[in-house]
Amino acid sequence: MGRLIVTILLILLGMQASGVDPYERNCVACHKKFSPSLEKFFFDYLLKYSSERRVKRALIDYLKNPTRKKAIASEEILKRYGLMPKTHLCDTDLHEAIDRYWEIYKVFGKIK
């Protein structure tokens, strides 16, 4: 049992040290396999929640406890792919991933 815990910890530390952030490792990796675009979801969240604080809060709430009621995806996407599984990220990694997601797709300050 002790060896298993040590092995898991070493794997997790290795992943963290590899320089691949939680957004790339979890969000991008999964959404590459499944079609729904992270960019499309970002703009859907932005349209519905309108501010950085509210978008991030809604994302955290959904990722920690995904339900059909909270889902921003269309019924078609939900029927095809189902609900996203509950996140396994710790709060620190989840916030880091969402902050990175925001920085990549935000439009504020980019429109001239």
N, C-alpha and C. Protein backbone atom coordinates (compact mmCIF):
# COMPACT_ATOMS: atom_id res chain seq x y z
N MET A 1 0.83 -1.20 0.00
CA MET A 1 0.00 0.00 0.00
C MET A 1 0.87 1.25 0.00
N GLY A 2 1.93 1.25 0.79
CA GLY A 2 2.83 2.39 0.86
C GLY A 2 3.52 2.67 -0.46
N ARG A 3 3.91 1.59 -1.16
CA ARG A 3 4.56 1.76 -2.46
C ARG A 3 3.61 2.38 -3.47
N LEU A 4 2.35 1.99 -3.42
CA LEU A 4 1.34 2.52 -4.34
C LEU A 4 1.19 4.03 -4.14
N ILE A 5 1.11 4.46 -2.90
CA ILE A 5 0.96 5.88 -2.60
C ILE A 5 2.19 6.65 -3.07
N VAL A 6 3.37 6.11 -2.82
CA VAL A 6 4.60 6.77 -3.24
C VAL A 6 4.65 6.85 -4.77
N THR A 7 4.27 5.79 -5.45
CA THR A 7 4.26 5.78 -6.91
C THR A 7 3.31 6.83 -7.46
N ILE A 8 2.12 6.89 -6.90
CA ILE A 8 1.13 7.88 -7.35
C ILE A 8 1.66 9.29 -7.12
N LEU A 9 2.24 9.54 -5.97
CA LEU A 9 2.80 10.86 -5.69
C LEU A 9 3.92 11.22 -6.66
N LEU A 10 4.77 10.27 -6.98
CA LEU A 10 5.87 10.52 -7.92
C LEU A 10 5.32 10.83 -9.31
N ILE A 11 4.31 10.12 -9.72
CA ILE A 11 3.69 10.38 -11.03
C ILE A 11 3.09 11.77 -11.05
N LEU A 12 2.36 12.13 -10.01
CA LEU A 12 1.75 13.45 -9.94
C LEU A 12 2.80 14.56 -9.93
N LEU A 13 3.85 14.37 -9.17
CA LEU A 13 4.93 15.36 -9.14
C LEU A 13 5.62 15.46 -10.49
N GLY A 14 5.80 14.34 -11.14
CA GLY A 14 6.42 14.33 -12.47
C GLY A 14 5.57 15.07 -13.48
N MET A 15 4.26 14.89 -13.41
CA MET A 15 3.35 15.60 -14.31
C MET A 15 3.42 17.09 -14.04
N GLN A 16 3.46 17.47 -12.80
CA GLN A 16 3.51 18.87 -12.43
C GLN A 16 4.85 19.49 -12.87
N ALA A 17 5.91 18.77 -12.70
CA ALA A 17 7.23 19.28 -13.05
C ALA A 17 7.47 19.29 -14.56
N SER A 18 6.66 18.57 -15.31
CA SER A 18 6.88 18.47 -16.75
C SER A 18 6.58 19.78 -17.48
N GLY A 19 6.04 20.75 -16.77
CA GLY A 19 5.78 22.04 -17.39
C GLY A 19 4.43 22.12 -18.08
N VAL A 20 3.68 21.05 -18.11
CA VAL A 20 2.35 21.07 -18.72
C VAL A 20 1.36 21.50 -17.65
N ASP A 21 0.75 22.65 -17.88
CA ASP A 21 -0.16 23.19 -16.87
C ASP A 21 -1.48 22.42 -16.85
N PRO A 22 -2.27 22.60 -15.79
CA PRO A 22 -3.53 21.87 -15.64
C PRO A 22 -4.51 22.10 -16.80
N TYR A 23 -4.50 23.27 -17.38
CA TYR A 23 -5.39 23.55 -18.52
C TYR A 23 -5.03 22.66 -19.71
N GLU A 24 -3.76 22.64 -20.07
CA GLU A 24 -3.32 21.82 -21.21
C GLU A 24 -3.51 20.34 -20.92
N ARG A 25 -3.11 19.93 -19.73
CA ARG A 25 -3.12 18.52 -19.36
C ARG A 25 -4.54 17.96 -19.24
N ASN A 26 -5.47 18.77 -18.80
CA ASN A 26 -6.82 18.25 -18.54
C ASN A 26 -7.85 18.74 -19.55
N CYS A 27 -7.99 20.03 -19.68
CA CYS A 27 -9.04 20.59 -20.53
C CYS A 27 -8.76 20.34 -22.02
N VAL A 28 -7.62 20.81 -22.47
CA VAL A 28 -7.27 20.70 -23.89
C VAL A 28 -7.15 19.23 -24.30
N ALA A 29 -6.48 18.45 -23.49
CA ALA A 29 -6.29 17.03 -23.82
C ALA A 29 -7.62 16.32 -24.04
N CYS A 30 -8.58 16.59 -23.19
CA CYS A 30 -9.89 15.93 -23.31
C CYS A 30 -10.69 16.49 -24.47
N HIS A 31 -10.71 17.80 -24.62
CA HIS A 31 -11.51 18.42 -25.67
C HIS A 31 -10.92 18.17 -27.06
N LYS A 32 -9.68 17.73 -27.16
CA LYS A 32 -9.12 17.31 -28.45
C LYS A 32 -9.76 15.99 -28.88
N LYS A 33 -10.05 15.13 -27.90
CA LYS A 33 -10.65 13.83 -28.20
C LYS A 33 -12.13 13.98 -28.55
N PHE A 34 -12.79 14.90 -27.87
CA PHE A 34 -14.22 15.11 -28.06
C PHE A 34 -14.41 16.47 -28.69
N SER A 35 -15.29 16.54 -29.62
CA SER A 35 -15.43 17.69 -30.50
C SER A 35 -15.80 19.04 -29.89
N PRO A 36 -16.57 19.14 -28.83
CA PRO A 36 -16.98 20.50 -28.41
C PRO A 36 -15.79 21.43 -28.20
N SER A 37 -15.81 22.54 -28.89
CA SER A 37 -14.70 23.50 -28.87
C SER A 37 -14.67 24.29 -27.56
N LEU A 38 -13.50 24.37 -26.97
CA LEU A 38 -13.34 25.18 -25.76
C LEU A 38 -13.62 26.64 -26.06
N GLU A 39 -13.27 27.10 -27.24
CA GLU A 39 -13.52 28.49 -27.63
C GLU A 39 -15.02 28.78 -27.69
N LYS A 40 -15.78 27.86 -28.29
CA LYS A 40 -17.23 28.04 -28.37
C LYS A 40 -17.85 28.10 -26.97
N PHE A 41 -17.43 27.19 -26.11
CA PHE A 41 -17.96 27.19 -24.75
C PHE A 41 -17.62 28.50 -24.04
N PHE A 42 -16.40 29.00 -24.27
CA PHE A 42 -16.01 30.24 -23.63
C PHE A 42 -16.98 31.36 -24.00
N PHE A 43 -17.27 31.50 -25.28
CA PHE A 43 -18.15 32.58 -25.70
C PHE A 43 -19.59 32.36 -25.24
N ASP A 44 -20.02 31.10 -25.14
CA ASP A 44 -21.34 30.81 -24.59
C ASP A 44 -21.41 31.24 -23.12
N TYR A 45 -20.35 30.92 -22.36
CA TYR A 45 -20.30 31.35 -20.95
C TYR A 45 -20.25 32.87 -20.84
N LEU A 46 -19.48 33.50 -21.70
CA LEU A 46 -19.37 34.95 -21.67
C LEU A 46 -20.70 35.62 -21.99
N LEU A 47 -21.42 35.09 -22.96
CA LEU A 47 -22.74 35.64 -23.29
C LEU A 47 -23.71 35.49 -22.13
N LYS A 48 -23.66 34.36 -21.47
CA LYS A 48 -24.62 34.11 -20.38
C LYS A 48 -24.24 34.84 -19.09
N TYR A 49 -22.96 34.86 -18.74
CA TYR A 49 -22.54 35.38 -17.44
C TYR A 49 -21.88 36.75 -17.49
N SER A 50 -21.40 37.18 -18.62
CA SER A 50 -20.97 38.54 -18.96
C SER A 50 -19.74 39.13 -18.24
N SER A 51 -19.28 38.58 -17.17
CA SER A 51 -18.10 39.14 -16.51
C SER A 51 -17.12 38.04 -16.16
N GLU A 52 -15.86 38.42 -16.00
CA GLU A 52 -14.83 37.45 -15.67
C GLU A 52 -15.17 36.70 -14.37
N ARG A 53 -15.54 37.45 -13.35
CA ARG A 53 -15.84 36.83 -12.05
C ARG A 53 -16.99 35.84 -12.15
N ARG A 54 -18.06 36.22 -12.84
CA ARG A 54 -19.24 35.34 -12.94
C ARG A 54 -18.98 34.13 -13.83
N VAL A 55 -18.21 34.33 -14.92
CA VAL A 55 -17.86 33.20 -15.79
C VAL A 55 -17.04 32.18 -15.02
N LYS A 56 -16.02 32.66 -14.32
CA LYS A 56 -15.15 31.75 -13.58
C LYS A 56 -15.91 31.03 -12.47
N ARG A 57 -16.79 31.74 -11.79
CA ARG A 57 -17.59 31.12 -10.73
C ARG A 57 -18.49 30.02 -11.30
N ALA A 58 -19.12 30.30 -12.45
CA ALA A 58 -20.01 29.33 -13.09
C ALA A 58 -19.22 28.10 -13.56
N LEU A 59 -18.04 28.32 -14.11
CA LEU A 59 -17.20 27.20 -14.55
C LEU A 59 -16.79 26.32 -13.37
N ILE A 60 -16.35 26.94 -12.30
CA ILE A 60 -15.94 26.17 -11.12
C ILE A 60 -17.12 25.37 -10.58
N ASP A 61 -18.27 26.00 -10.48
CA ASP A 61 -19.46 25.34 -9.97
C ASP A 61 -19.83 24.15 -10.85
N TYR A 62 -19.80 24.35 -12.17
CA TYR A 62 -20.16 23.27 -13.08
C TYR A 62 -19.13 22.13 -13.04
N LEU A 63 -17.87 22.47 -13.08
CA LEU A 63 -16.83 21.44 -13.13
C LEU A 63 -16.77 20.60 -11.85
N LYS A 64 -17.09 21.23 -10.73
CA LYS A 64 -17.09 20.48 -9.46
C LYS A 64 -18.33 19.59 -9.32
N ASN A 65 -19.43 20.03 -9.93
CA ASN A 65 -20.68 19.27 -9.81
C ASN A 65 -21.52 19.45 -11.07
N PRO A 66 -21.14 18.78 -12.16
CA PRO A 66 -21.86 18.96 -13.43
C PRO A 66 -23.29 18.40 -13.38
N THR A 67 -24.23 19.22 -13.79
CA THR A 67 -25.63 18.79 -13.91
C THR A 67 -26.18 19.34 -15.22
N ARG A 68 -27.26 18.76 -15.71
CA ARG A 68 -27.89 19.24 -16.94
C ARG A 68 -28.37 20.68 -16.76
N LYS A 69 -28.84 21.00 -15.58
CA LYS A 69 -29.34 22.35 -15.33
C LYS A 69 -28.22 23.39 -15.46
N LYS A 70 -27.03 23.06 -15.00
CA LYS A 70 -25.90 23.99 -15.05
C LYS A 70 -25.19 23.99 -16.41
N ALA A 71 -25.43 22.96 -17.21
CA ALA A 71 -24.70 22.82 -18.47
C ALA A 71 -25.04 23.96 -19.43
N ILE A 72 -24.04 24.46 -20.09
CA ILE A 72 -24.23 25.52 -21.06
C ILE A 72 -24.28 24.93 -22.48
N ALA A 73 -23.89 23.69 -22.62
CA ALA A 73 -23.91 23.01 -23.92
C ALA A 73 -25.35 22.80 -24.38
N SER A 74 -25.52 22.75 -25.68
CA SER A 74 -26.84 22.52 -26.26
C SER A 74 -27.30 21.09 -25.97
N GLU A 75 -28.59 20.86 -26.09
CA GLU A 75 -29.14 19.52 -25.88
C GLU A 75 -28.51 18.53 -26.85
N GLU A 76 -28.25 18.98 -28.07
CA GLU A 76 -27.63 18.12 -29.07
C GLU A 76 -26.25 17.63 -28.61
N ILE A 77 -25.45 18.54 -28.09
CA ILE A 77 -24.12 18.17 -27.59
C ILE A 77 -24.24 17.27 -26.38
N LEU A 78 -25.18 17.59 -25.49
CA LEU A 78 -25.36 16.75 -24.29
C LEU A 78 -25.81 15.34 -24.67
N LYS A 79 -26.67 15.23 -25.67
CA LYS A 79 -27.12 13.89 -26.11
C LYS A 79 -25.96 13.12 -26.73
N ARG A 80 -25.13 13.81 -27.49
CA ARG A 80 -24.04 13.15 -28.19
C ARG A 80 -22.89 12.76 -27.25
N TYR A 81 -22.50 13.68 -26.36
CA TYR A 81 -21.33 13.45 -25.51
C TYR A 81 -21.66 13.21 -24.04
N GLY A 82 -22.86 13.56 -23.63
CA GLY A 82 -23.22 13.42 -22.22
C GLY A 82 -22.64 14.55 -21.40
N LEU A 83 -22.91 14.51 -20.11
CA LEU A 83 -22.35 15.51 -19.20
C LEU A 83 -20.86 15.25 -19.01
N MET A 84 -20.16 16.31 -18.78
CA MET A 84 -18.75 16.19 -18.47
C MET A 84 -18.61 15.51 -17.11
N PRO A 85 -17.61 14.67 -16.95
CA PRO A 85 -17.43 14.07 -15.62
C PRO A 85 -16.97 15.12 -14.61
N LYS A 86 -17.27 14.86 -13.36
CA LYS A 86 -16.85 15.75 -12.28
C LYS A 86 -15.32 15.87 -12.29
N THR A 87 -14.82 17.07 -12.08
CA THR A 87 -13.37 17.29 -12.10
C THR A 87 -12.67 16.54 -10.98
N HIS A 88 -11.46 16.12 -11.27
CA HIS A 88 -10.62 15.48 -10.25
C HIS A 88 -9.50 16.43 -9.84
N LEU A 89 -9.51 17.64 -10.38
CA LEU A 89 -8.47 18.62 -10.06
C LEU A 89 -8.66 19.19 -8.65
N CYS A 90 -7.56 19.45 -7.98
CA CYS A 90 -7.63 20.14 -6.70
C CYS A 90 -8.01 21.60 -6.99
N ASP A 91 -8.44 22.32 -5.98
CA ASP A 91 -8.88 23.70 -6.17
C ASP A 91 -7.81 24.59 -6.80
N THR A 92 -6.57 24.41 -6.39
CA THR A 92 -5.48 25.22 -6.93
C THR A 92 -5.33 25.00 -8.44
N ASP A 93 -5.29 23.74 -8.86
CA ASP A 93 -5.17 23.43 -10.29
C ASP A 93 -6.40 23.85 -11.07
N LEU A 94 -7.57 23.69 -10.47
CA LEU A 94 -8.80 24.10 -11.14
C LEU A 94 -8.81 25.60 -11.39
N HIS A 95 -8.46 26.37 -10.40
CA HIS A 95 -8.40 27.83 -10.56
C HIS A 95 -7.33 28.23 -11.58
N GLU A 96 -6.19 27.55 -11.54
CA GLU A 96 -5.13 27.83 -12.51
C GLU A 96 -5.59 27.54 -13.94
N ALA A 97 -6.28 26.42 -14.12
CA ALA A 97 -6.77 26.04 -15.45
C ALA A 97 -7.81 27.05 -15.95
N ILE A 98 -8.70 27.46 -15.08
CA ILE A 98 -9.73 28.42 -15.48
C ILE A 98 -9.13 29.79 -15.75
N ASP A 99 -8.16 30.20 -14.96
CA ASP A 99 -7.48 31.47 -15.22
C ASP A 99 -6.79 31.43 -16.58
N ARG A 100 -6.13 30.34 -16.90
CA ARG A 100 -5.45 30.21 -18.20
C ARG A 100 -6.47 30.23 -19.34
N TYR A 101 -7.57 29.51 -19.15
CA TYR A 101 -8.66 29.47 -20.14
C TYR A 101 -9.16 30.89 -20.40
N TRP A 102 -9.37 31.65 -19.35
CA TRP A 102 -9.83 33.03 -19.48
C TRP A 102 -8.82 33.86 -20.28
N GLU A 103 -7.56 33.74 -19.93
CA GLU A 103 -6.52 34.54 -20.60
C GLU A 103 -6.41 34.22 -22.08
N ILE A 104 -6.60 32.98 -22.44
CA ILE A 104 -6.48 32.58 -23.85
C ILE A 104 -7.62 33.16 -24.69
N TYR A 105 -8.84 33.10 -24.19
CA TYR A 105 -10.00 33.45 -25.02
C TYR A 105 -10.64 34.79 -24.72
N LYS A 106 -10.22 35.48 -23.68
CA LYS A 106 -10.87 36.75 -23.35
C LYS A 106 -10.79 37.72 -24.53
N VAL A 107 -11.81 38.54 -24.66
CA VAL A 107 -11.82 39.52 -25.74
C VAL A 107 -11.49 40.91 -25.21
N PHE A 108 -11.64 41.11 -23.92
CA PHE A 108 -11.38 42.40 -23.32
C PHE A 108 -9.91 42.76 -23.48
N GLY A 109 -9.64 43.94 -23.97
CA GLY A 109 -8.27 44.38 -24.16
C GLY A 109 -7.66 43.91 -25.47
N LYS A 110 -8.36 43.06 -26.21
CA LYS A 110 -7.85 42.57 -27.49
C LYS A 110 -8.52 43.27 -28.68
N ILE A 111 -9.69 43.83 -28.43
CA ILE A 111 -10.44 44.51 -29.50
C ILE A 111 -9.92 45.94 -29.62
N LYS A 112 -9.60 46.34 -30.82
CA LYS A 112 -9.07 47.70 -31.04
C LYS A 112 -10.03 48.51 -31.87
